[in-house]
N, C-alpha and C. Protein backbone atom coordinates (compact mmCIF):
# COMPACT_ATOMS: atom_id res chain seq x y z
N MET A 1 -9.89 -5.89 -10.17
CA MET A 1 -9.73 -7.86 -9.95
C MET A 1 -10.41 -8.56 -8.30
N THR A 2 -10.81 -9.54 -9.32
CA THR A 2 -11.22 -10.48 -7.94
C THR A 2 -10.53 -11.33 -7.49
N GLU A 3 -11.09 -11.52 -5.37
CA GLU A 3 -10.24 -11.90 -4.97
C GLU A 3 -9.48 -13.60 -5.39
N PRO A 4 -7.86 -13.42 -5.62
CA PRO A 4 -7.23 -15.15 -5.94
C PRO A 4 -8.26 -16.61 -5.30
N LYS A 5 -7.09 -16.77 -6.50
CA LYS A 5 -8.31 -18.55 -5.86
C LYS A 5 -6.92 -18.88 -4.85
N THR A 6 -7.30 -19.54 -4.07
CA THR A 6 -6.23 -20.04 -3.31
C THR A 6 -4.75 -20.27 -3.39
N SER A 7 -4.81 -21.34 -4.73
CA SER A 7 -3.40 -21.51 -5.55
C SER A 7 -3.12 -20.83 -6.75
N ASP A 8 -3.86 -19.69 -6.62
CA ASP A 8 -3.08 -18.54 -7.43
C ASP A 8 -1.83 -17.15 -6.64
N PRO A 9 -1.44 -17.12 -7.56
CA PRO A 9 0.03 -16.53 -7.46
C PRO A 9 -0.23 -15.18 -6.53
N CYS A 10 -0.17 -14.93 -4.73
CA CYS A 10 -0.48 -13.22 -4.56
C CYS A 10 -0.38 -12.38 -5.06
N PRO A 11 -0.89 -11.30 -5.46
CA PRO A 11 -1.10 -10.82 -6.60
C PRO A 11 0.17 -9.26 -4.64
N CYS A 12 1.21 -9.88 -4.05
CA CYS A 12 2.20 -9.12 -3.67
C CYS A 12 3.26 -9.86 -4.02
N HIS A 13 3.07 -10.50 -5.33
CA HIS A 13 4.42 -10.65 -5.56
C HIS A 13 5.56 -10.76 -4.04
N SER A 14 4.86 -12.11 -3.53
CA SER A 14 6.31 -12.65 -2.25
C SER A 14 6.19 -13.37 -2.64
N GLY A 15 5.68 -14.18 -4.56
CA GLY A 15 6.57 -16.44 -4.60
C GLY A 15 5.38 -16.73 -4.05
N LYS A 16 4.89 -16.67 -2.47
CA LYS A 16 3.56 -17.11 -2.15
C LYS A 16 2.29 -17.68 -3.10
N VAL A 17 1.62 -18.49 -2.44
CA VAL A 17 0.17 -18.31 -3.48
C VAL A 17 -0.32 -18.34 -2.00
N TYR A 18 -1.57 -17.39 -3.24
CA TYR A 18 -2.93 -16.50 -1.96
C TYR A 18 -3.20 -16.72 -1.39
N GLY A 19 -2.93 -18.05 -1.01
CA GLY A 19 -3.25 -19.31 0.70
C GLY A 19 -3.02 -19.22 1.13
N ASP A 20 -1.37 -19.18 1.01
CA ASP A 20 -0.49 -19.44 1.91
C ASP A 20 0.10 -18.32 2.44
N CYS A 21 -0.61 -16.65 1.59
CA CYS A 21 0.33 -15.73 1.66
C CYS A 21 -0.77 -14.97 2.09
N CYS A 22 -1.17 -14.12 1.18
CA CYS A 22 -2.23 -13.20 1.91
C CYS A 22 -3.64 -12.97 2.52
N GLY A 23 -4.27 -14.63 1.50
CA GLY A 23 -5.39 -14.88 1.60
C GLY A 23 -5.92 -15.17 3.58
N PRO A 24 -5.39 -15.81 4.06
CA PRO A 24 -5.62 -16.19 5.51
C PRO A 24 -5.63 -14.83 6.64
N ILE A 25 -4.64 -13.49 5.67
CA ILE A 25 -4.98 -12.42 6.36
C ILE A 25 -6.42 -11.61 6.16
N LEU A 26 -6.54 -11.40 5.13
CA LEU A 26 -7.28 -10.68 3.96
C LEU A 26 -9.00 -11.08 5.21
N GLY A 27 -8.63 -12.57 4.85
CA GLY A 27 -9.94 -13.30 5.29
C GLY A 27 -10.25 -13.22 6.33
N GLY A 28 -9.22 -12.88 7.22
CA GLY A 28 -9.85 -13.10 8.74
C GLY A 28 -9.07 -14.08 9.54
N ALA A 29 -8.55 -15.29 9.25
CA ALA A 29 -8.57 -16.52 9.42
C ALA A 29 -7.02 -16.40 9.87
N GLN A 30 -6.30 -15.27 9.78
CA GLN A 30 -4.91 -14.90 11.03
C GLN A 30 -4.81 -13.85 10.61
N LYS A 31 -3.92 -13.60 11.95
CA LYS A 31 -3.77 -11.75 12.20
C LYS A 31 -2.04 -11.29 11.56
N ALA A 32 -1.47 -11.00 10.54
CA ALA A 32 -0.28 -10.71 10.20
C ALA A 32 0.70 -10.66 11.76
N PRO A 33 1.50 -11.78 11.18
CA PRO A 33 1.95 -11.50 11.87
C PRO A 33 3.61 -10.94 12.22
N THR A 34 3.78 -10.32 11.43
CA THR A 34 5.09 -9.55 11.03
C THR A 34 4.30 -7.68 9.74
N ALA A 35 5.16 -6.71 11.00
CA ALA A 35 4.74 -5.53 9.79
C ALA A 35 4.62 -5.65 7.94
N GLU A 36 5.64 -6.43 8.05
CA GLU A 36 5.57 -7.04 6.25
C GLU A 36 4.72 -7.36 5.74
N ALA A 37 4.17 -8.28 6.33
CA ALA A 37 2.90 -9.34 6.10
C ALA A 37 2.30 -8.21 6.19
N LEU A 38 1.73 -7.70 6.93
CA LEU A 38 0.49 -6.74 7.15
C LEU A 38 1.01 -5.78 5.33
N MET A 39 1.49 -5.31 5.43
CA MET A 39 1.92 -4.29 3.75
C MET A 39 1.57 -5.09 3.12
N ARG A 40 2.53 -6.10 2.91
CA ARG A 40 1.31 -7.21 1.63
C ARG A 40 0.24 -6.99 1.63
N ALA A 41 -0.07 -7.46 2.73
CA ALA A 41 -1.74 -7.94 3.30
C ALA A 41 -2.65 -6.49 2.89
N ARG A 42 -2.07 -5.22 2.83
CA ARG A 42 -2.65 -3.84 2.39
C ARG A 42 -2.73 -3.98 0.93
N TYR A 43 -1.74 -4.09 0.39
CA TYR A 43 -0.94 -4.18 -1.07
C TYR A 43 -1.91 -5.19 -2.03
N THR A 44 -2.14 -6.20 -1.34
CA THR A 44 -3.45 -7.20 -1.76
C THR A 44 -4.76 -6.41 -1.32
N ALA A 45 -5.06 -6.46 -0.30
CA ALA A 45 -6.37 -5.53 -0.81
C ALA A 45 -6.65 -4.33 -1.95
N TYR A 46 -5.85 -3.45 -2.25
CA TYR A 46 -6.32 -2.55 -3.01
C TYR A 46 -5.82 -3.90 -4.28
N ALA A 47 -5.07 -4.70 -4.87
CA ALA A 47 -5.49 -5.07 -6.24
C ALA A 47 -6.78 -6.01 -5.87
N ILE A 48 -7.44 -6.54 -4.82
CA ILE A 48 -8.63 -6.35 -5.00
C ILE A 48 -9.40 -5.76 -4.27
N ASP A 49 -9.72 -4.85 -3.84
CA ASP A 49 -10.33 -3.80 -3.53
C ASP A 49 -11.27 -4.02 -2.43
N ASP A 50 -10.50 -4.76 -1.46
CA ASP A 50 -10.98 -4.37 0.02
C ASP A 50 -10.49 -3.87 0.22
N VAL A 51 -11.90 -2.73 0.73
CA VAL A 51 -11.65 -1.40 1.08
C VAL A 51 -11.59 -1.80 2.86
N ASP A 52 -12.60 -2.69 3.76
CA ASP A 52 -12.68 -2.35 4.41
C ASP A 52 -11.76 -3.19 5.49
N PHE A 53 -10.83 -3.92 5.22
CA PHE A 53 -9.26 -4.44 5.51
C PHE A 53 -8.63 -3.40 5.75
N LEU A 54 -8.57 -2.23 4.59
CA LEU A 54 -7.36 -0.87 4.20
C LEU A 54 -7.88 -0.32 5.72
N PHE A 55 -8.93 -0.21 6.17
CA PHE A 55 -9.55 0.62 6.98
C PHE A 55 -9.46 -0.43 8.65
N ALA A 56 -9.81 -1.52 8.16
CA ALA A 56 -9.25 -2.21 9.85
C ALA A 56 -8.00 -2.38 10.16
N SER A 57 -7.44 -2.42 9.09
CA SER A 57 -5.92 -2.73 9.18
C SER A 57 -4.77 -0.71 9.63
N SER A 58 -5.51 0.01 10.05
CA SER A 58 -5.40 0.99 9.82
C SER A 58 -5.42 1.66 11.70
N GLY A 59 -4.26 2.28 12.06
CA GLY A 59 -4.46 2.84 13.53
C GLY A 59 -5.52 4.26 13.19
N ASP A 60 -5.73 4.46 14.87
CA ASP A 60 -7.50 5.70 14.95
C ASP A 60 -6.50 7.07 13.97
N ALA A 61 -5.58 7.35 13.76
CA ALA A 61 -5.27 8.80 13.06
C ALA A 61 -5.79 8.57 12.13
N VAL A 62 -5.41 8.10 11.47
CA VAL A 62 -5.54 6.92 9.80
C VAL A 62 -6.92 6.92 9.81
N ARG A 63 -7.17 6.25 9.91
CA ARG A 63 -9.16 5.54 10.17
C ARG A 63 -10.13 7.28 10.46
N ALA A 64 -9.28 8.12 11.24
CA ALA A 64 -10.25 9.67 11.25
C ALA A 64 -10.06 9.88 9.43
N GLU A 65 -9.12 10.23 9.03
CA GLU A 65 -8.71 10.91 7.48
C GLU A 65 -9.59 10.11 6.38
N PHE A 66 -9.68 8.04 6.91
CA PHE A 66 -9.93 7.09 5.69
C PHE A 66 -10.83 8.05 4.62
N ASP A 67 -11.26 7.78 3.84
CA ASP A 67 -11.54 8.12 2.89
C ASP A 67 -11.72 6.35 1.47
N PRO A 68 -12.78 6.40 2.86
CA PRO A 68 -13.45 5.18 1.79
C PRO A 68 -13.71 4.85 -0.19
N ALA A 69 -14.16 6.31 -0.46
CA ALA A 69 -15.29 6.21 -1.20
C ALA A 69 -13.52 6.42 -2.53
N GLY A 70 -12.97 7.28 -1.87
CA GLY A 70 -11.53 7.73 -2.57
C GLY A 70 -10.21 6.48 -2.54
N ALA A 71 -10.46 5.36 -1.80
CA ALA A 71 -9.77 4.31 -2.16
C ALA A 71 -10.41 3.64 -2.68
N HIS A 72 -11.51 2.98 -2.54
CA HIS A 72 -12.52 2.20 -3.79
C HIS A 72 -12.43 2.84 -4.63
N LYS A 73 -12.09 4.05 -5.39
CA LYS A 73 -12.15 4.44 -6.72
C LYS A 73 -11.04 4.36 -7.09
N TRP A 74 -9.37 4.53 -6.57
CA TRP A 74 -8.18 3.70 -6.27
C TRP A 74 -8.19 2.83 -6.85
N ALA A 75 -8.56 1.67 -6.83
CA ALA A 75 -8.51 0.67 -6.28
C ALA A 75 -8.51 0.24 -7.35
N ARG A 76 -10.04 -0.03 -7.37
CA ARG A 76 -10.93 0.24 -8.39
C ARG A 76 -10.64 0.57 -10.09
N ASN A 77 -10.16 1.20 -10.34
CA ASN A 77 -9.44 2.53 -11.45
C ASN A 77 -7.81 2.02 -11.75
N SER A 78 -7.42 1.42 -10.89
CA SER A 78 -5.28 0.82 -10.75
C SER A 78 -6.27 -0.94 -11.31
N VAL A 79 -4.87 -0.58 -12.40
CA VAL A 79 -4.53 -2.54 -12.55
C VAL A 79 -2.84 -2.46 -11.44
N TRP A 80 -3.51 -3.15 -10.69
CA TRP A 80 -2.04 -3.46 -9.91
C TRP A 80 -1.16 -4.41 -10.14
N THR A 81 0.17 -4.09 -10.32
CA THR A 81 0.80 -4.92 -11.16
C THR A 81 2.06 -5.01 -10.78
N GLY A 82 2.58 -5.02 -9.02
CA GLY A 82 3.08 -5.74 -8.49
C GLY A 82 3.72 -4.79 -7.58
N MET A 83 4.56 -5.41 -6.22
CA MET A 83 5.41 -4.56 -5.47
C MET A 83 6.30 -4.38 -5.27
N GLU A 84 7.20 -4.50 -4.70
CA GLU A 84 9.20 -4.46 -4.46
C GLU A 84 9.16 -4.11 -2.47
N VAL A 85 8.86 -4.61 -2.14
CA VAL A 85 9.56 -4.07 -0.65
C VAL A 85 11.30 -4.26 -0.95
N LEU A 86 11.83 -2.77 -0.27
CA LEU A 86 12.91 -2.52 -0.87
C LEU A 86 13.50 -2.51 1.10
N ASP A 87 12.69 -2.62 1.60
CA ASP A 87 13.68 -2.60 3.24
C ASP A 87 12.95 -2.85 4.37
N VAL A 88 12.68 -3.29 5.40
CA VAL A 88 12.17 -3.75 6.88
C VAL A 88 12.72 -3.50 7.42
N GLN A 89 12.61 -2.44 8.42
CA GLN A 89 13.75 -2.13 9.73
C GLN A 89 12.42 -2.16 10.89
N ARG A 90 13.08 -3.74 11.88
CA ARG A 90 11.98 -3.93 12.62
C ARG A 90 10.83 -4.75 12.17
N GLY A 91 9.90 -4.32 13.22
CA GLY A 91 8.33 -5.40 12.78
C GLY A 91 8.32 -6.44 12.85
N GLY A 92 8.76 -7.47 13.19
CA GLY A 92 9.17 -8.86 13.19
C GLY A 92 8.30 -9.19 14.25
N ILE A 93 7.74 -10.75 14.71
CA ILE A 93 7.15 -11.30 15.40
C ILE A 93 7.32 -11.18 17.02
N ASP A 94 8.94 -10.78 17.21
CA ASP A 94 8.23 -10.23 19.31
C ASP A 94 8.64 -8.64 19.31
N ASP A 95 8.45 -7.67 18.12
CA ASP A 95 9.00 -6.32 17.82
C ASP A 95 7.33 -5.73 18.25
N ASP A 96 7.23 -4.06 18.59
CA ASP A 96 5.71 -3.40 18.84
C ASP A 96 5.88 -2.61 17.68
N GLU A 97 6.60 -2.42 16.71
CA GLU A 97 6.89 -1.13 16.31
C GLU A 97 7.97 -2.24 15.08
N GLY A 98 7.55 -0.90 13.51
CA GLY A 98 8.23 -0.88 12.43
C GLY A 98 8.58 -0.46 11.37
N THR A 99 8.69 -0.59 10.57
CA THR A 99 8.85 -0.21 8.81
C THR A 99 8.80 -0.74 8.43
N VAL A 100 8.47 -0.41 6.94
CA VAL A 100 8.34 -1.36 6.22
C VAL A 100 8.92 -0.15 4.20
N GLU A 101 9.31 0.02 3.94
CA GLU A 101 9.69 0.85 2.49
C GLU A 101 9.51 -0.06 1.42
N PHE A 102 8.72 0.25 0.44
CA PHE A 102 7.90 -0.41 -0.51
C PHE A 102 7.79 0.50 -1.82
N VAL A 103 7.59 0.12 -3.13
CA VAL A 103 7.36 0.76 -4.05
C VAL A 103 5.90 -0.23 -4.49
N ALA A 104 5.23 0.11 -4.81
CA ALA A 104 3.72 -0.44 -4.98
C ALA A 104 3.62 -0.24 -7.16
N HIS A 105 3.54 -0.45 -7.56
CA HIS A 105 3.09 -1.49 -9.26
C HIS A 105 2.02 -0.44 -9.40
N TYR A 106 1.35 0.69 -10.47
CA TYR A 106 -0.08 -0.27 -11.04
C TYR A 106 -0.07 0.91 -12.13
N THR A 107 -1.01 0.69 -12.61
CA THR A 107 -1.32 1.34 -14.26
C THR A 107 -2.55 1.83 -13.61
N VAL A 108 -2.84 3.31 -14.51
CA VAL A 108 -4.25 4.13 -14.48
C VAL A 108 -4.75 4.12 -15.91
N LYS A 109 -5.57 4.31 -16.42
CA LYS A 109 -5.74 4.48 -18.41
C LYS A 109 -3.83 3.52 -19.19
N ARG A 110 -4.09 2.22 -18.66
CA ARG A 110 -2.76 1.86 -19.67
C ARG A 110 -1.39 2.59 -18.49
N GLN A 111 -1.24 3.89 -18.40
CA GLN A 111 -0.07 4.43 -17.74
C GLN A 111 0.99 4.09 -16.49
N PRO A 112 1.47 3.48 -16.51
CA PRO A 112 1.88 3.12 -15.24
C PRO A 112 2.92 3.99 -14.60
N PHE A 113 1.99 3.83 -13.04
CA PHE A 113 2.85 4.76 -11.75
C PHE A 113 3.29 3.73 -11.17
N SER A 114 4.63 4.37 -9.67
CA SER A 114 5.14 3.66 -9.07
C SER A 114 4.29 4.43 -7.60
N HIS A 115 4.86 3.88 -6.22
CA HIS A 115 4.39 4.10 -5.24
C HIS A 115 4.96 4.28 -4.07
N HIS A 116 6.09 4.61 -4.01
CA HIS A 116 7.50 4.48 -3.50
C HIS A 116 7.21 5.15 -1.72
N GLU A 117 6.84 4.08 -0.98
CA GLU A 117 6.70 4.85 0.56
C GLU A 117 7.90 4.36 1.54
N ARG A 118 7.61 4.51 2.46
CA ARG A 118 8.12 4.20 4.07
C ARG A 118 7.47 4.52 4.49
N SER A 119 6.29 3.02 5.26
CA SER A 119 5.49 3.29 6.19
C SER A 119 5.60 2.80 7.53
N THR A 120 4.56 3.14 8.70
CA THR A 120 5.34 2.99 9.94
C THR A 120 4.78 2.27 10.78
N PHE A 121 4.45 0.98 10.73
CA PHE A 121 3.04 0.45 11.86
C PHE A 121 3.58 0.00 13.44
N LYS A 122 2.62 -0.16 14.19
CA LYS A 122 2.57 -0.43 15.56
C LYS A 122 1.78 -1.46 16.01
N ARG A 123 1.96 -2.76 16.62
CA ARG A 123 0.85 -3.28 17.37
C ARG A 123 -0.02 -2.63 18.84
N VAL A 124 -1.27 -2.69 18.20
CA VAL A 124 -2.12 -2.22 18.53
C VAL A 124 -3.12 -3.48 18.87
N GLU A 125 -3.17 -3.52 20.47
CA GLU A 125 -4.34 -4.67 21.11
C GLU A 125 -3.34 -5.22 20.62
N GLY A 126 -2.29 -5.76 20.03
CA GLY A 126 -1.67 -7.21 20.00
C GLY A 126 -1.95 -7.56 18.50
N GLU A 127 -1.88 -6.26 17.76
CA GLU A 127 -2.35 -6.71 15.90
C GLU A 127 -1.60 -5.78 15.97
N TRP A 128 -0.30 -5.93 14.77
CA TRP A 128 -0.30 -4.45 13.66
C TRP A 128 -1.01 -3.70 12.48
N ARG A 129 -1.36 -2.65 13.04
CA ARG A 129 -1.40 -1.53 12.52
C ARG A 129 -0.71 -0.47 11.42
N PHE A 130 -0.92 -0.11 10.53
CA PHE A 130 -0.58 1.18 9.39
C PHE A 130 -0.88 2.32 10.32
N ILE A 131 0.65 3.05 10.72
CA ILE A 131 -0.19 4.43 11.35
C ILE A 131 0.35 5.67 10.19
N ASP A 132 0.96 5.24 9.97
CA ASP A 132 1.57 6.85 8.44
C ASP A 132 2.34 6.25 7.88
N GLY A 133 2.30 7.14 6.57
CA GLY A 133 2.91 6.65 5.56
C GLY A 133 4.01 8.05 5.37
N GLU A 134 5.26 7.40 4.53
CA GLU A 134 6.56 8.59 3.62
C GLU A 134 6.71 8.81 2.40
N LEU A 135 5.64 9.46 1.76
CA LEU A 135 6.23 8.98 0.14
C LEU A 135 7.52 9.61 -0.35
N ILE A 136 8.11 8.60 -1.00
CA ILE A 136 9.42 8.61 -0.86
C ILE A 136 9.76 8.88 -2.84
N THR A 137 9.94 10.79 -3.08
CA THR A 137 9.56 11.02 -3.99
C THR A 137 12.13 10.99 -4.48
N PRO A 138 11.44 11.51 -5.79
CA PRO A 138 13.30 11.84 -6.51
C PRO A 138 13.65 13.52 -5.45
N GLU A 139 12.37 13.86 -5.18
CA GLU A 139 13.29 15.10 -4.17
C GLU A 139 13.82 15.05 -2.60
N ASN A 140 13.12 13.83 -2.20
CA ASN A 140 13.69 13.17 -0.51
C ASN A 140 15.03 12.77 -0.74
N GLN A 141 15.03 11.82 -1.55
CA GLN A 141 16.33 11.00 -2.05
C GLN A 141 17.39 11.50 -2.19
N LYS A 142 18.47 11.28 -0.82
CA LYS A 142 19.66 11.24 -1.30
C LYS A 142 20.45 11.37 -2.68
N GLY A 143 21.49 12.12 -3.09
CA GLY A 143 22.16 11.74 -3.89
C GLY A 143 21.41 11.34 -4.98
N VAL A 144 20.21 11.61 -6.04
CA VAL A 144 19.18 11.07 -6.57
C VAL A 144 19.08 12.00 -7.28
N THR A 145 19.32 11.59 -9.35
CA THR A 145 19.35 13.09 -9.74
C THR A 145 17.91 13.00 -10.44
N ILE A 146 17.06 13.43 -11.05
CA ILE A 146 16.21 12.96 -11.84
C ILE A 146 15.46 13.47 -13.53
N VAL A 147 15.46 12.77 -14.25
CA VAL A 147 15.19 13.53 -15.03
C VAL A 147 13.72 13.19 -15.39
N ARG A 148 12.78 14.33 -15.72
CA ARG A 148 11.51 14.10 -15.98
C ARG A 148 11.11 13.91 -17.64
N ASP A 149 10.59 12.51 -17.50
CA ASP A 149 9.63 12.34 -18.70
C ASP A 149 8.70 13.36 -18.97
N ALA A 150 7.88 13.44 -18.20
CA ALA A 150 6.73 13.91 -18.29
C ALA A 150 6.43 15.42 -17.11
N PRO A 151 5.67 16.32 -17.31
CA PRO A 151 5.68 17.32 -16.46
C PRO A 151 5.46 17.04 -14.86
N LYS A 152 5.87 17.52 -14.40
CA LYS A 152 5.72 17.51 -12.68
C LYS A 152 4.23 17.86 -12.21
N VAL A 153 4.04 16.97 -11.55
CA VAL A 153 2.78 16.87 -10.77
C VAL A 153 2.23 18.19 -10.00
N GLY A 154 1.69 18.95 -9.52
CA GLY A 154 1.34 20.00 -9.23
C GLY A 154 0.67 20.11 -7.87
N ARG A 155 0.88 20.41 -6.20
CA ARG A 155 0.13 19.77 -5.05
C ARG A 155 -1.43 20.67 -5.48
N ASN A 156 -1.49 20.67 -6.54
CA ASN A 156 -2.93 21.46 -6.79
C ASN A 156 -3.54 21.13 -7.61
N ASP A 157 -2.90 19.74 -8.69
CA ASP A 157 -3.46 19.68 -9.89
C ASP A 157 -4.23 18.14 -9.19
N PRO A 158 -4.70 17.43 -10.10
CA PRO A 158 -5.68 16.37 -9.81
C PRO A 158 -4.88 15.28 -9.83
N CYS A 159 -4.77 14.30 -8.75
CA CYS A 159 -3.62 13.47 -8.22
C CYS A 159 -3.64 12.24 -9.39
N PRO A 160 -2.76 11.76 -10.33
CA PRO A 160 -2.86 10.75 -11.58
C PRO A 160 -3.24 9.76 -11.21
N CYS A 161 -3.19 9.24 -9.81
CA CYS A 161 -3.82 7.70 -9.52
C CYS A 161 -5.61 7.40 -10.11
N GLY A 162 -6.68 8.68 -10.40
CA GLY A 162 -7.34 8.33 -10.68
C GLY A 162 -8.44 9.17 -9.18
N SER A 163 -7.80 9.24 -8.12
CA SER A 163 -8.52 9.12 -7.11
C SER A 163 -9.84 10.79 -6.75
N GLY A 164 -9.65 10.99 -8.28
CA GLY A 164 -10.08 12.57 -7.90
C GLY A 164 -9.89 13.61 -7.26
N LYS A 165 -8.81 12.87 -5.97
CA LYS A 165 -8.15 14.39 -4.57
C LYS A 165 -7.34 14.90 -5.71
N LYS A 166 -7.00 16.24 -4.69
CA LYS A 166 -5.83 16.60 -5.66
C LYS A 166 -5.22 15.79 -4.97
N TYR A 167 -3.42 15.97 -5.09
CA TYR A 167 -2.23 15.20 -5.49
C TYR A 167 -2.00 16.05 -4.01
N LYS A 168 -1.88 16.80 -3.65
CA LYS A 168 -1.44 17.14 -2.03
C LYS A 168 -2.14 16.85 -1.02
N HIS A 169 -3.28 16.08 -1.10
CA HIS A 169 -4.09 15.54 -0.72
C HIS A 169 -4.95 13.94 -0.29
N CYS A 170 -3.38 13.15 -1.88
CA CYS A 170 -3.51 12.63 -1.95
C CYS A 170 -1.67 11.68 -1.52
N CYS A 171 -2.10 10.69 -3.28
CA CYS A 171 -0.29 10.69 -3.02
C CYS A 171 0.56 11.36 -2.75
N GLY A 172 0.38 12.50 -3.10
CA GLY A 172 0.83 13.90 -2.65
C GLY A 172 1.92 14.21 -0.99
N ARG A 173 1.15 13.41 -0.64
CA ARG A 173 0.85 13.15 0.98
C ARG A 173 2.03 12.67 1.53
């Protein structure tokens, strides 16, 4: 996907237009005011393949492990179909840290996938940064019974997102 026009709906599915949502954050005209705003901008960065923003909006530990080629491949090979913010804990204008639980929806080769994560954000030198993410799987949700339609992805199997990495080093972290 190319960068949307300012009047197009924002890829993050906030209900706002790109120019009033993630556009100014990705373009550098403004800093993300909240952890949720940064999360939405990061999702949109994947949708428009803005790997530089993904790196710049990460904390030092994430940057040290960041794989720009893998992120670019995942972004480019996926069709990003929307995201849902499920829960926000702190991360407001007056906070210095917060968490955002979300589900990102995308397809790879017409196969739908959902990435459910609880992300941690902190202010670093006055700017929100992505610090870490915990993948939410059926196995670590309480009270959820799962019936699989497809075989379970093994830790050493190729990641279904198309990154070319092993599942354990990609979406299975």
